[in-house]
Amino acid sequence: MTAKIDDWLLDILACPQSKAPLRLDEEAGELVCDESGLAYPIRDGIPVLLVDEARRIS
């Protein structure tokens, strides 16, 4: 699954837990926060920035 988020949107999005910037993992279809160790899903082109929906990354 590949995901695409416009660059201007990615510039203003932040992790709801740590407030750190997010990076796009297009292959996984997720927005990743390296600081909090969470990956947020992108569903139908819409980022789901809910901590309860995030996946913990190692």
C-alpha atoms as a PDB file:
ATOM      1  CA  MET A   1       0.000   0.000   0.000  1.00  0.00           C
ATOM      2  CA  THR A   2       1.374   3.382  -0.891  1.00  0.00           C
ATOM      3  CA  ALA A   3       0.178   6.648   0.577  1.00  0.00           C
ATOM      4  CA  LYS A   4       0.703  10.218  -0.500  1.00  0.00           C
ATOM      5  CA  ILE A   5       0.341  13.345   1.586  1.00  0.00           C
ATOM      6  CA  ASP A   6       0.905  16.799   0.124  1.00  0.00           C
ATOM      7  CA  ASP A   7       4.176  18.372   1.253  1.00  0.00           C
ATOM      8  CA  TRP A   8       2.454  21.486   2.630  1.00  0.00           C
ATOM      9  CA  LEU A   9       0.233  19.302   4.831  1.00  0.00           C
ATOM     10  CA  LEU A  10       3.136  17.199   6.055  1.00  0.00           C
ATOM     11  CA  ASP A  11       4.922  20.418   7.040  1.00  0.00           C
ATOM     12  CA  ILE A  12       2.141  21.373   9.484  1.00  0.00           C
ATOM     13  CA  LEU A  13       1.206  17.974  10.907  1.00  0.00           C
ATOM     14  CA  ALA A  14       2.640  16.948  14.274  1.00  0.00           C
ATOM     15  CA  CYS A  15       2.393  13.936  16.528  1.00  0.00           C
ATOM     16  CA  PRO A  16      -0.509  14.464  18.945  1.00  0.00           C
ATOM     17  CA  GLN A  17       1.461  12.807  21.747  1.00  0.00           C
ATOM     18  CA  SER A  18       4.940  14.361  21.456  1.00  0.00           C
ATOM     19  CA  LYS A  19       4.171  17.377  19.216  1.00  0.00           C
ATOM     20  CA  ALA A  20       7.206  16.343  17.103  1.00  0.00           C
ATOM     21  CA  PRO A  21       7.174  16.426  13.279  1.00  0.00           C
ATOM     22  CA  LEU A  22       5.939  13.397  11.383  1.00  0.00           C
ATOM     23  CA  ARG A  23       7.578  11.711   8.427  1.00  0.00           C
ATOM     24  CA  LEU A  24       5.755   9.852   5.692  1.00  0.00           C
ATOM     25  CA  ASP A  25       6.345   6.144   5.171  1.00  0.00           C
ATOM     26  CA  GLU A  26       4.675   5.786   1.767  1.00  0.00           C
ATOM     27  CA  GLU A  27       5.129   2.016   1.515  1.00  0.00           C
ATOM     28  CA  ALA A  28       3.511   1.315   4.888  1.00  0.00           C
ATOM     29  CA  GLY A  29       0.870   4.022   4.413  1.00  0.00           C
ATOM     30  CA  GLU A  30       1.696   5.652   7.741  1.00  0.00           C
ATOM     31  CA  LEU A  31       2.906   8.870   9.291  1.00  0.00           C
ATOM     32  CA  VAL A  32       5.743   8.062  11.676  1.00  0.00           C
ATOM     33  CA  CYS A  33       6.904   9.937  14.759  1.00  0.00           C
ATOM     34  CA  ASP A  34      10.439   8.892  15.646  1.00  0.00           C
ATOM     35  CA  GLU A  35      10.303  10.755  18.976  1.00  0.00           C
ATOM     36  CA  SER A  36       7.243   8.979  20.386  1.00  0.00           C
ATOM     37  CA  GLY A  37       7.748   5.716  18.487  1.00  0.00           C
ATOM     38  CA  LEU A  38       4.253   5.781  17.009  1.00  0.00           C
ATOM     39  CA  ALA A  39       3.036   5.216  13.456  1.00  0.00           C
ATOM     40  CA  TYR A  40      -0.311   6.732  12.507  1.00  0.00           C
ATOM     41  CA  PRO A  41      -2.339   5.128   9.699  1.00  0.00           C
ATOM     42  CA  ILE A  42      -3.475   6.910   6.563  1.00  0.00           C
ATOM     43  CA  ARG A  43      -6.916   5.680   5.522  1.00  0.00           C
ATOM     44  CA  ASP A  44      -8.377   6.690   2.168  1.00  0.00           C
ATOM     45  CA  GLY A  45      -5.830   9.516   1.960  1.00  0.00           C
ATOM     46  CA  ILE A  46      -6.744  10.885   5.403  1.00  0.00           C
ATOM     47  CA  PRO A  47      -4.221  10.768   8.282  1.00  0.00           C
ATOM     48  CA  VAL A  48      -5.737   9.286  11.438  1.00  0.00           C
ATOM     49  CA  LEU A  49      -3.864  11.160  14.169  1.00  0.00           C
ATOM     50  CA  LEU A  50      -5.348   9.416  17.175  1.00  0.00           C
ATOM     51  CA  VAL A  51      -2.949   7.896  19.700  1.00  0.00           C
ATOM     52  CA  ASP A  52      -5.393   5.002  20.249  1.00  0.00           C
ATOM     53  CA  GLU A  53      -5.214   4.179  16.515  1.00  0.00           C
ATOM     54  CA  ALA A  54      -1.419   4.411  16.296  1.00  0.00           C
ATOM     55  CA  ARG A  55       0.899   1.437  16.052  1.00  0.00           C
ATOM     56  CA  ARG A  56       3.943   1.242  18.322  1.00  0.00           C
ATOM     57  CA  ILE A  57       7.166   0.950  16.303  1.00  0.00           C
ATOM     58  CA  SER A  58      10.419  -0.525  17.550  1.00  0.00           C
END
